[in-house]
């Protein structure tokens, strides 16, 4: 188990460039299975979850050529379907949640697929019903072996159809979409997720020859085609990392410029940080956060306490609520953080309370934060990263605390943030990987 030793209380200054979007990368990597032709992906984040998925694809028979650390070509002309029943596949696929998205492409192209119950963050129940209900609507049948937590899905006679998703699941929408693009007939997906990640996947599939209408809305229409070709696709900057860097700048009173953020794909993230009192200057496609000694949380128009809550796009992404919560600890004012989607994602706040934060955990989904207005700095401590997003929130807290903090289990942070210690050290942080 690796550890960060963090010497906090330092002001940072300089430029940061966000990595490629993790959540988009996991989708478009799986989409390479839809064609036997060569696909080139650019701006791939060099993080453990993505690298594990690439390794899984190679085990399935995908030829991978790494042109640079962030660019690869993929050729899925010789897929070994039988490999999906092996213990090696089960172990590798179970290690990452993104592996579930190989099911849609495999059903579309080969008529059958296998999947173990996927892993990922321990942030509460993350059901797969949306995926499998969508596949059933298309005509697929699945069975689940509870003994080894393994799904078998048969879809040799799938047909396009209308479906209303039970929730606007991003991975569910992506998986069903990839199954539908090679399924005969017209498929209509209502209540589809419309995050930039899904829009990017649609654009990639269109460049491969797919017929998709309604991109960017919650109503997608797909006309199945016989085959898809190769393409080149560039992954967006990671909006979660952009938001994490904004929170870092505020907490450490640092002067930071975030380069090439793809502003039009950030949604309400900048304005949500604005309501926390954080000054943001947009310079072309860059965001500059000047050093701020104080930032004050806004209130609602009637003067009542502000609520920051997650919601499906174009609402605020749940992946940033951990960052908003830690940022609030040094603001002036109070805020209610409402995490609606996952019942265990706020359980890291006990570590912030140990550091001196004033937080009331109301229930598994809500926490009230009373900001210190920097009158009392967070204290350094020893802690462990429970998941990717809580991990980076704890890292931000440690960087703001005067003295030495220790963060164990940083493999969780490495799953979502590329060389985060080296990149932050380059602008003045003191993070040591043990």
Protein backbone atom coordinates (compact mmCIF):
# COMPACT_ATOMS: atom_id res chain seq x y z
CA UNK A 1 0.00 0.00 0.00
CA UNK A 2 1.45 3.37 -1.06
CA UNK A 3 1.31 6.53 1.03
CA UNK A 4 1.52 10.29 0.53
CA UNK A 5 3.48 12.32 3.06
CA UNK A 6 2.19 15.87 2.66
CA UNK A 7 3.80 18.99 4.11
CA UNK A 8 1.01 21.52 3.86
CA UNK A 9 0.51 25.21 4.46
CA UNK A 10 2.36 26.24 1.31
CA UNK A 11 0.96 28.56 -1.34
CA UNK A 12 1.12 27.21 -4.86
CA UNK A 13 1.63 29.20 -8.03
CA UNK A 14 1.73 28.23 -11.67
CA UNK A 15 -0.14 26.43 -14.43
CA UNK A 16 -1.90 23.09 -14.41
CA UNK A 17 -3.22 21.26 -17.45
CA UNK A 18 -6.05 18.76 -16.86
CA UNK A 19 -5.63 15.18 -17.97
CA UNK A 20 -8.03 13.47 -20.36
CA UNK A 21 -11.44 12.68 -18.89
CA UNK A 22 -11.41 9.35 -17.04
CA UNK A 23 -15.14 8.69 -17.45
CA UNK A 24 -15.06 9.38 -21.18
CA UNK A 25 -11.93 7.29 -21.67
CA UNK A 26 -13.55 4.19 -20.15
CA UNK A 27 -16.49 4.50 -22.59
CA UNK A 28 -14.57 5.15 -25.79
CA UNK A 29 -12.05 2.40 -24.99
CA UNK A 30 -14.91 -0.09 -24.89
CA UNK A 31 -16.28 1.35 -28.15
CA UNK A 32 -13.14 0.17 -29.95
CA UNK A 33 -14.63 -3.35 -29.71
CA UNK A 34 -17.37 -2.35 -32.17
CA UNK A 35 -15.16 -2.50 -35.26
CA UNK A 36 -12.38 -4.72 -36.66
CA UNK A 37 -10.76 -1.58 -38.07
CA UNK A 38 -8.11 0.56 -36.42
CA UNK A 39 -9.20 3.24 -33.90
CA UNK A 40 -6.87 5.95 -32.61
CA UNK A 41 -7.59 7.63 -29.28
CA UNK A 42 -5.80 10.80 -28.14
CA UNK A 43 -5.51 12.47 -24.74
CA UNK A 44 -5.89 9.17 -22.86
CA UNK A 45 -5.26 9.70 -19.12
CA UNK A 46 -2.39 7.59 -17.81
CA UNK A 47 -4.22 6.39 -14.69
CA UNK A 48 -4.63 2.95 -13.18
CA UNK A 49 -8.33 2.42 -13.99
CA UNK A 50 -7.76 3.26 -17.67
CA UNK A 51 -4.58 1.18 -17.89
CA UNK A 52 -6.37 -1.80 -16.33
CA UNK A 53 -9.12 -1.55 -18.95
CA UNK A 54 -6.54 -1.38 -21.75
CA UNK A 55 -4.89 -4.48 -20.28
CA UNK A 56 -8.29 -6.20 -20.21
CA UNK A 57 -8.90 -5.35 -23.89
CA UNK A 58 -5.50 -6.76 -24.80
CA UNK A 59 -6.41 -10.00 -23.01
CA UNK A 60 -9.55 -10.16 -25.17
CA UNK A 61 -7.41 -9.99 -28.30
CA UNK A 62 -7.37 -6.26 -29.07
CA UNK A 63 -4.08 -5.18 -30.65
CA UNK A 64 -2.86 -2.07 -28.82
CA UNK A 65 -0.07 0.16 -30.05
CA UNK A 66 0.99 2.96 -27.72
CA UNK A 67 2.16 5.89 -29.85
CA UNK A 68 2.80 8.12 -26.82
CA UNK A 69 1.79 8.07 -23.13
CA UNK A 70 -1.53 9.71 -24.10
CA UNK A 71 -2.19 8.26 -27.58
CA UNK A 72 -2.91 4.67 -28.60
CA UNK A 73 -4.29 2.75 -31.56
CA UNK A 74 -6.64 -0.19 -31.06
CA UNK A 75 -7.55 -2.96 -33.50
CA UNK A 76 -10.23 -5.43 -32.38
CA UNK A 77 -10.28 -7.74 -35.42
CA UNK A 78 -9.28 -10.91 -33.52
CA UNK A 79 -11.43 -11.01 -30.39
CA UNK A 80 -11.30 -14.23 -28.37
CA UNK A 81 -14.82 -14.57 -26.96
CA UNK A 82 -13.88 -17.72 -25.06
CA UNK A 83 -11.36 -15.69 -23.04
CA UNK A 84 -14.34 -14.00 -21.36
CA UNK A 85 -15.15 -17.22 -19.49
CA UNK A 86 -11.64 -17.58 -18.03
CA UNK A 87 -10.55 -16.89 -14.48
CA UNK A 88 -8.09 -14.28 -15.79
CA UNK A 89 -10.88 -12.26 -17.43
CA UNK A 90 -13.08 -12.54 -14.34
CA UNK A 91 -10.30 -11.27 -12.08
CA UNK A 92 -9.29 -8.36 -14.33
CA UNK A 93 -12.85 -7.26 -15.16
CA UNK A 94 -13.97 -7.46 -11.53
CA UNK A 95 -11.22 -5.01 -10.57
CA UNK A 96 -12.72 -2.02 -12.43
CA UNK A 97 -16.26 -0.79 -12.76
CA UNK A 98 -15.74 0.37 -16.35
CA UNK A 99 -15.45 -3.24 -17.49
CA UNK A 100 -19.25 -3.54 -17.55
CA UNK A 101 -19.25 -1.41 -20.71
CA UNK A 102 -17.67 -4.16 -22.80
CA UNK A 103 -21.06 -5.90 -22.71
CA UNK A 104 -22.86 -3.56 -25.13
CA UNK A 105 -20.21 -3.72 -27.88
CA UNK A 106 -19.81 -7.51 -27.54
CA UNK A 107 -23.58 -8.08 -27.75
CA UNK A 108 -23.83 -5.84 -30.80
CA UNK A 109 -20.95 -7.43 -32.68
CA UNK A 110 -20.85 -11.03 -31.49
CA UNK A 111 -24.32 -11.68 -30.04
CA UNK A 112 -23.08 -12.72 -26.62
CA UNK A 113 -21.14 -11.32 -23.71
CA UNK A 114 -19.94 -12.16 -20.22
CA UNK A 115 -19.26 -9.92 -17.25
CA UNK A 116 -18.36 -10.34 -13.59
CA UNK A 117 -19.89 -8.03 -11.03
CA UNK A 118 -17.58 -5.01 -11.51
CA UNK A 119 -15.51 -3.29 -8.85
CA UNK A 120 -14.86 0.41 -8.32
CA UNK A 121 -15.34 2.85 -5.46
CA UNK A 122 -16.99 1.65 -2.26
CA UNK A 123 -19.44 4.56 -2.13
CA UNK A 124 -22.68 2.66 -1.70
CA UNK A 125 -24.86 0.46 -3.87
CA UNK A 126 -24.26 0.99 -7.60
CA UNK A 127 -26.85 -1.14 -9.35
CA UNK A 128 -26.65 -2.40 -12.93
CA UNK A 129 -30.39 -2.70 -13.52
CA UNK A 130 -30.46 0.10 -16.12
CA UNK A 131 -27.88 -1.70 -18.27
CA UNK A 132 -29.62 -5.08 -18.23
CA UNK A 133 -33.18 -3.76 -18.53
CA UNK A 134 -32.05 -1.90 -21.65
CA UNK A 135 -30.41 -5.01 -23.11
CA UNK A 136 -33.61 -6.98 -22.39
CA UNK A 137 -35.65 -4.36 -24.24
CA UNK A 138 -33.40 -4.94 -27.27
CA UNK A 139 -34.11 -8.67 -26.99
CA UNK A 140 -31.12 -9.94 -25.05
CA UNK A 141 -31.42 -12.49 -22.24
CA UNK A 142 -29.15 -12.69 -19.24
CA UNK A 143 -28.48 -15.02 -16.35
CA UNK A 144 -26.60 -14.36 -13.14
CA UNK A 145 -24.54 -16.91 -11.24
CA UNK A 146 -24.62 -15.75 -7.64
CA UNK A 147 -21.87 -18.21 -6.66
CA UNK A 148 -19.15 -16.44 -8.64
CA UNK A 149 -21.03 -13.15 -9.31
CA UNK A 150 -20.91 -13.70 -13.08
CA UNK A 151 -23.33 -12.56 -15.79
CA UNK A 152 -23.94 -14.38 -19.08
CA UNK A 153 -25.79 -12.37 -21.74
CA UNK A 154 -27.16 -13.73 -25.01
CA UNK A 155 -28.28 -11.30 -27.71
CA UNK A 156 -28.24 -13.09 -31.06
CA UNK A 157 -31.66 -11.82 -32.18
CA UNK A 158 -31.76 -8.25 -30.92
CA UNK A 159 -34.03 -5.70 -32.60
CA UNK A 160 -34.36 -1.93 -32.27
CA UNK A 161 -37.11 -0.75 -29.93
CA UNK A 162 -38.36 2.09 -27.73
CA UNK A 163 -37.21 2.22 -24.13
CA UNK A 164 -37.60 4.57 -21.17
CA UNK A 165 -34.61 4.20 -18.87
CA UNK A 166 -35.41 3.82 -15.17
CA UNK A 167 -32.65 6.34 -14.41
CA UNK A 168 -30.42 8.62 -16.46
CA UNK A 169 -27.37 6.43 -15.91
CA UNK A 170 -24.25 7.58 -17.78
CA UNK A 171 -22.66 4.15 -18.08
CA UNK A 172 -26.07 2.55 -18.67
CA UNK A 173 -26.84 4.95 -21.52
CA UNK A 174 -23.38 4.40 -23.03
CA UNK A 175 -23.66 0.61 -22.81
CA UNK A 176 -27.13 0.46 -24.37
CA UNK A 177 -26.12 2.98 -27.04
CA UNK A 178 -23.14 0.85 -28.06
CA UNK A 179 -25.39 -2.22 -28.25
CA UNK A 180 -27.97 -0.37 -30.37
CA UNK A 181 -25.67 1.05 -33.07
CA UNK A 182 -25.25 -2.40 -34.70
CA UNK A 183 -28.74 -3.70 -33.83
CA UNK A 184 -31.18 -3.85 -36.77
CA UNK A 185 -34.02 -1.32 -36.73
CA UNK A 186 -34.64 1.91 -34.87
CA UNK A 187 -33.89 2.24 -31.16
CA UNK A 188 -35.22 5.16 -29.13
CA UNK A 189 -33.72 5.80 -25.70
CA UNK A 190 -35.72 8.21 -23.52
CA UNK A 191 -34.36 9.56 -20.23
CA UNK A 192 -30.88 9.03 -21.62
CA UNK A 193 -27.93 10.63 -19.84
CA UNK A 194 -26.62 13.60 -21.81
CA UNK A 195 -23.30 14.35 -20.06
CA UNK A 196 -20.44 15.55 -22.27
CA UNK A 197 -18.97 12.04 -21.92
CA UNK A 198 -22.02 10.53 -23.64
CA UNK A 199 -22.02 13.31 -26.25
CA UNK A 200 -18.37 12.53 -26.99
CA UNK A 201 -19.13 8.82 -27.32
CA UNK A 202 -21.95 9.67 -29.76
CA UNK A 203 -19.61 11.84 -31.83
CA UNK A 204 -17.03 9.05 -31.94
CA UNK A 205 -19.62 6.48 -32.99
CA UNK A 206 -20.94 8.85 -35.67
CA UNK A 207 -17.44 9.23 -37.06
CA UNK A 208 -17.32 5.41 -37.24
CA UNK A 209 -20.52 5.39 -39.29
CA UNK A 210 -23.25 5.10 -36.66
CA UNK A 211 -26.58 6.88 -37.18
CA UNK A 212 -27.49 8.68 -33.95
CA UNK A 213 -29.93 11.56 -33.50
CA UNK A 214 -30.65 13.76 -30.49
CA UNK A 215 -27.04 14.01 -29.30
CA UNK A 216 -26.88 16.29 -26.26
CA UNK A 217 -30.51 15.65 -25.30
CA UNK A 218 -32.20 13.00 -23.15
CA UNK A 219 -33.91 11.46 -26.21
CA UNK A 220 -31.54 9.49 -28.45
CA UNK A 221 -32.60 7.78 -31.68
CA UNK A 222 -30.34 5.16 -33.25
CA UNK A 223 -30.73 3.54 -36.66
CA UNK A 224 -28.79 0.30 -36.61
CA UNK A 225 -26.11 -0.16 -39.27
CA UNK A 226 -24.43 -3.36 -40.48
CA UNK A 227 -20.88 -2.41 -39.60
CA UNK A 228 -18.73 0.38 -38.20
CA UNK A 229 -15.32 1.57 -39.38
CA UNK A 230 -12.23 3.00 -37.75
CA UNK A 231 -11.77 6.60 -36.59
CA UNK A 232 -9.63 9.05 -34.68
CA UNK A 233 -11.04 10.57 -31.49
CA UNK A 234 -9.73 13.04 -28.91
CA UNK A 235 -10.87 12.76 -25.29
CA UNK A 236 -12.05 15.91 -23.50
CA UNK A 237 -10.17 17.43 -20.55
CA UNK A 238 -11.37 15.96 -17.26
CA UNK A 239 -13.99 18.29 -15.74
CA UNK A 240 -13.56 16.60 -12.34
CA UNK A 241 -9.87 17.41 -12.32
CA UNK A 242 -10.61 21.00 -13.36
CA UNK A 243 -13.00 21.32 -10.41
CA UNK A 244 -10.48 19.70 -8.08
CA UNK A 245 -7.83 22.25 -9.10
CA UNK A 246 -10.26 25.12 -8.51
CA UNK A 247 -10.94 23.81 -5.01
CA UNK A 248 -7.22 23.34 -4.39
CA UNK A 249 -6.47 26.95 -5.35
CA UNK A 250 -9.17 28.27 -3.01
CA UNK A 251 -8.19 26.11 -0.02
CA UNK A 252 -4.48 26.96 -0.24
CA UNK A 253 -4.97 30.64 -1.20
CA UNK A 254 -2.92 29.94 -4.32
CA UNK A 255 -2.61 31.65 -7.70
CA UNK A 256 -3.26 28.93 -10.27
CA UNK A 257 -4.12 28.95 -13.96
CA UNK A 258 -5.83 25.86 -15.38
CA UNK A 259 -5.06 25.54 -19.08
CA UNK A 260 -7.31 24.31 -21.91
CA UNK A 261 -10.32 23.34 -19.81
CA UNK A 262 -12.90 23.06 -22.65
CA UNK A 263 -15.06 25.64 -20.92
CA UNK A 264 -18.22 24.86 -22.91
CA UNK A 265 -18.18 21.33 -21.46
CA UNK A 266 -17.87 22.34 -17.79
CA UNK A 267 -21.57 23.13 -17.39
CA UNK A 268 -22.41 24.82 -14.08
CA UNK A 269 -19.14 23.84 -12.35
CA UNK A 270 -17.60 27.34 -12.58
CA UNK A 271 -20.78 29.08 -11.41
CA UNK A 272 -21.19 26.61 -8.52
CA UNK A 273 -17.69 27.49 -7.29
CA UNK A 274 -18.66 31.13 -7.79
CA UNK A 275 -21.51 30.64 -5.32
CA UNK A 276 -18.92 29.38 -2.84
CA UNK A 277 -17.30 32.81 -3.15
CA UNK A 278 -14.35 31.69 -5.26
CA UNK A 279 -13.20 34.18 -7.88
CA UNK A 280 -12.65 32.72 -11.35
CA UNK A 281 -11.28 34.64 -14.31
CA UNK A 282 -11.93 33.09 -17.71
CA UNK A 283 -9.16 33.78 -20.20
CA UNK A 284 -10.06 32.20 -23.52
CA UNK A 285 -10.21 28.48 -22.73
CA UNK A 286 -8.20 28.89 -19.51
CA UNK A 287 -9.43 29.52 -15.95
CA UNK A 288 -7.33 31.67 -13.62
CA UNK A 289 -7.95 31.52 -9.87
CA UNK A 290 -6.18 34.40 -8.09
CA UNK A 291 -4.90 33.99 -4.54
CA UNK A 292 -7.82 34.72 -2.18
CA UNK A 293 -7.39 35.23 1.54
CA UNK A 294 -11.14 34.96 2.07
CA UNK A 295 -14.12 33.62 0.16
CA UNK A 296 -17.71 33.82 1.35
CA UNK A 297 -20.47 31.33 0.63
CA UNK A 298 -23.55 32.78 -1.02
CA UNK A 299 -27.07 32.30 0.37
CA UNK A 300 -30.37 31.77 -1.35
CA UNK A 301 -32.31 34.93 -2.24
CA UNK A 302 -34.37 34.72 0.96
CA UNK A 303 -31.20 34.52 3.05
CA UNK A 304 -31.47 30.82 3.86
CA UNK A 305 -28.44 28.55 3.87
CA UNK A 306 -27.11 27.53 0.46
CA UNK A 307 -27.51 23.91 -0.64
CA UNK A 308 -25.02 22.34 -3.03
CA UNK A 309 -26.52 19.17 -4.50
CA UNK A 310 -25.70 16.77 -7.31
CA UNK A 311 -28.05 16.18 -10.23
CA UNK A 312 -27.99 14.58 -13.70
CA UNK A 313 -26.41 16.75 -16.38
CA UNK A 314 -26.69 19.68 -16.82
CA UNK A 315 -26.82 19.63 -13.02
CA UNK A 316 -23.73 19.42 -10.82
CA UNK A 317 -21.71 16.21 -11.11
CA UNK A 318 -21.68 14.10 -7.92
CA UNK A 319 -17.96 13.47 -8.38
CA UNK A 320 -17.17 17.01 -7.20
CA UNK A 321 -19.25 17.16 -4.02
CA UNK A 322 -16.34 15.88 -1.91
CA UNK A 323 -14.25 18.81 -3.18
CA UNK A 324 -17.03 21.33 -2.51
CA UNK A 325 -17.37 19.98 1.02
CA UNK A 326 -13.69 20.37 1.87
CA UNK A 327 -13.54 23.83 0.26
CA UNK A 328 -16.43 24.96 2.47
CA UNK A 329 -14.44 24.23 5.64
CA UNK A 330 -12.29 27.36 5.15
CA UNK A 331 -14.99 29.62 3.66
CA UNK A 332 -16.99 32.27 5.48
CA UNK A 333 -20.54 31.06 5.96
CA UNK A 334 -22.30 27.71 5.91
CA UNK A 335 -23.53 25.29 3.28
CA UNK A 336 -25.56 22.09 3.16
CA UNK A 337 -23.95 19.49 0.89
CA UNK A 338 -26.57 17.03 -0.39
CA UNK A 339 -25.16 13.90 -2.06
CA UNK A 340 -28.26 12.27 -3.54
CA UNK A 341 -26.82 9.40 -5.56
CA UNK A 342 -24.51 7.45 -3.21
CA UNK A 343 -25.22 6.71 0.41
CA UNK A 344 -21.59 6.21 1.50
CA UNK A 345 -19.80 9.03 -0.25
CA UNK A 346 -19.91 11.47 2.68
CA UNK A 347 -18.49 9.06 5.22
CA UNK A 348 -14.99 10.50 4.80
CA UNK A 349 -16.00 13.65 6.72
CA UNK A 350 -14.89 12.10 10.02
CA UNK A 351 -11.32 12.58 8.81
CA UNK A 352 -12.00 16.29 8.18
CA UNK A 353 -13.59 16.60 11.63
CA UNK A 354 -10.40 15.11 13.10
CA UNK A 355 -8.53 17.93 11.32
CA UNK A 356 -10.73 20.52 13.05
CA UNK A 357 -13.44 21.08 10.45
CA UNK A 358 -16.90 22.01 11.72
CA UNK A 359 -19.15 19.51 9.95
CA UNK A 360 -22.44 17.97 11.00
CA UNK A 361 -23.20 14.71 9.19
CA UNK A 362 -26.99 14.89 9.11
CA UNK A 363 -27.51 11.46 7.50
CA UNK A 364 -25.73 9.34 4.84
CA UNK A 365 -26.66 11.86 2.14
CA UNK A 366 -26.34 15.29 3.80
CA UNK A 367 -23.67 17.21 5.65
CA UNK A 368 -23.73 20.78 6.96
CA UNK A 369 -20.40 22.63 6.89
CA UNK A 370 -19.73 25.75 8.99
CA UNK A 371 -16.75 27.50 7.47
CA UNK A 372 -13.80 28.72 9.56
CA UNK A 373 -13.08 31.75 7.33
CA UNK A 374 -9.42 30.76 7.89
CA UNK A 375 -9.70 31.80 11.55
CA UNK A 376 -8.73 28.26 12.46
CA UNK A 377 -6.61 26.26 10.01
CA UNK A 378 -7.13 22.54 9.54
CA UNK A 379 -4.72 20.41 11.58
CA UNK A 380 -2.44 17.85 9.93
CA UNK A 381 -3.29 14.22 10.65
CA UNK A 382 -2.96 10.61 9.49
CA UNK A 383 -5.78 9.31 7.31
CA UNK A 384 -6.66 6.82 4.57
CA UNK A 385 -8.24 7.45 1.17
CA UNK A 386 -11.58 5.60 0.91
CA UNK A 387 -12.28 6.33 -2.77
CA UNK A 388 -10.99 8.43 -5.68
CA UNK A 389 -12.89 11.66 -5.04
CA UNK A 390 -12.73 11.61 -1.25
CA UNK A 391 -9.03 10.85 -1.64
CA UNK A 392 -8.31 14.00 -3.62
CA UNK A 393 -10.48 16.03 -1.21
CA UNK A 394 -8.33 14.76 1.67
CA UNK A 395 -5.19 15.63 -0.31
CA UNK A 396 -6.51 19.19 -0.75
CA UNK A 397 -7.22 19.36 2.99
CA UNK A 398 -3.70 18.12 3.79
CA UNK A 399 -2.14 20.71 1.45
CA UNK A 400 -4.01 23.47 3.30
CA UNK A 401 -3.06 22.22 6.79
CA UNK A 402 0.15 23.57 8.30
CA UNK A 403 2.54 20.67 8.94
CA UNK A 404 2.87 16.98 8.07
CA UNK A 405 -0.10 14.85 7.08
CA UNK A 406 -0.06 11.23 5.96
CA UNK A 407 -2.56 9.74 3.50
CA UNK A 408 -2.59 5.95 3.15
CA UNK A 409 -4.20 3.90 0.37
CA UNK A 410 -3.34 6.46 -2.30
CA UNK A 411 -3.87 3.78 -4.95
CA UNK A 412 -7.44 5.09 -4.83
CA UNK A 413 -6.26 8.56 -5.87
CA UNK A 414 -4.02 7.07 -8.60
CA UNK A 415 -7.10 5.42 -10.11
CA UNK A 416 -8.40 8.82 -11.18
CA UNK A 417 -5.56 11.38 -11.08
CA UNK A 418 -2.46 11.12 -13.25
CA UNK A 419 0.85 11.76 -11.43
CA UNK A 420 -0.98 14.15 -9.12
CA UNK A 421 1.95 14.43 -6.72
CA UNK A 422 4.48 15.31 -9.44
CA UNK A 423 2.19 17.84 -11.11
CA UNK A 424 1.37 19.64 -7.86
CA UNK A 425 4.98 19.56 -6.68
CA UNK A 426 5.92 21.36 -9.92
CA UNK A 427 3.92 24.40 -8.75
CA UNK A 428 5.14 24.46 -5.16
CA UNK A 429 3.51 21.59 -3.24
CA UNK A 430 5.53 19.22 -1.04
CA UNK A 431 4.06 15.74 -1.53
CA UNK A 432 6.26 12.69 -1.04
CA UNK A 433 5.25 9.28 -2.29
CA UNK A 434 6.35 6.51 0.11
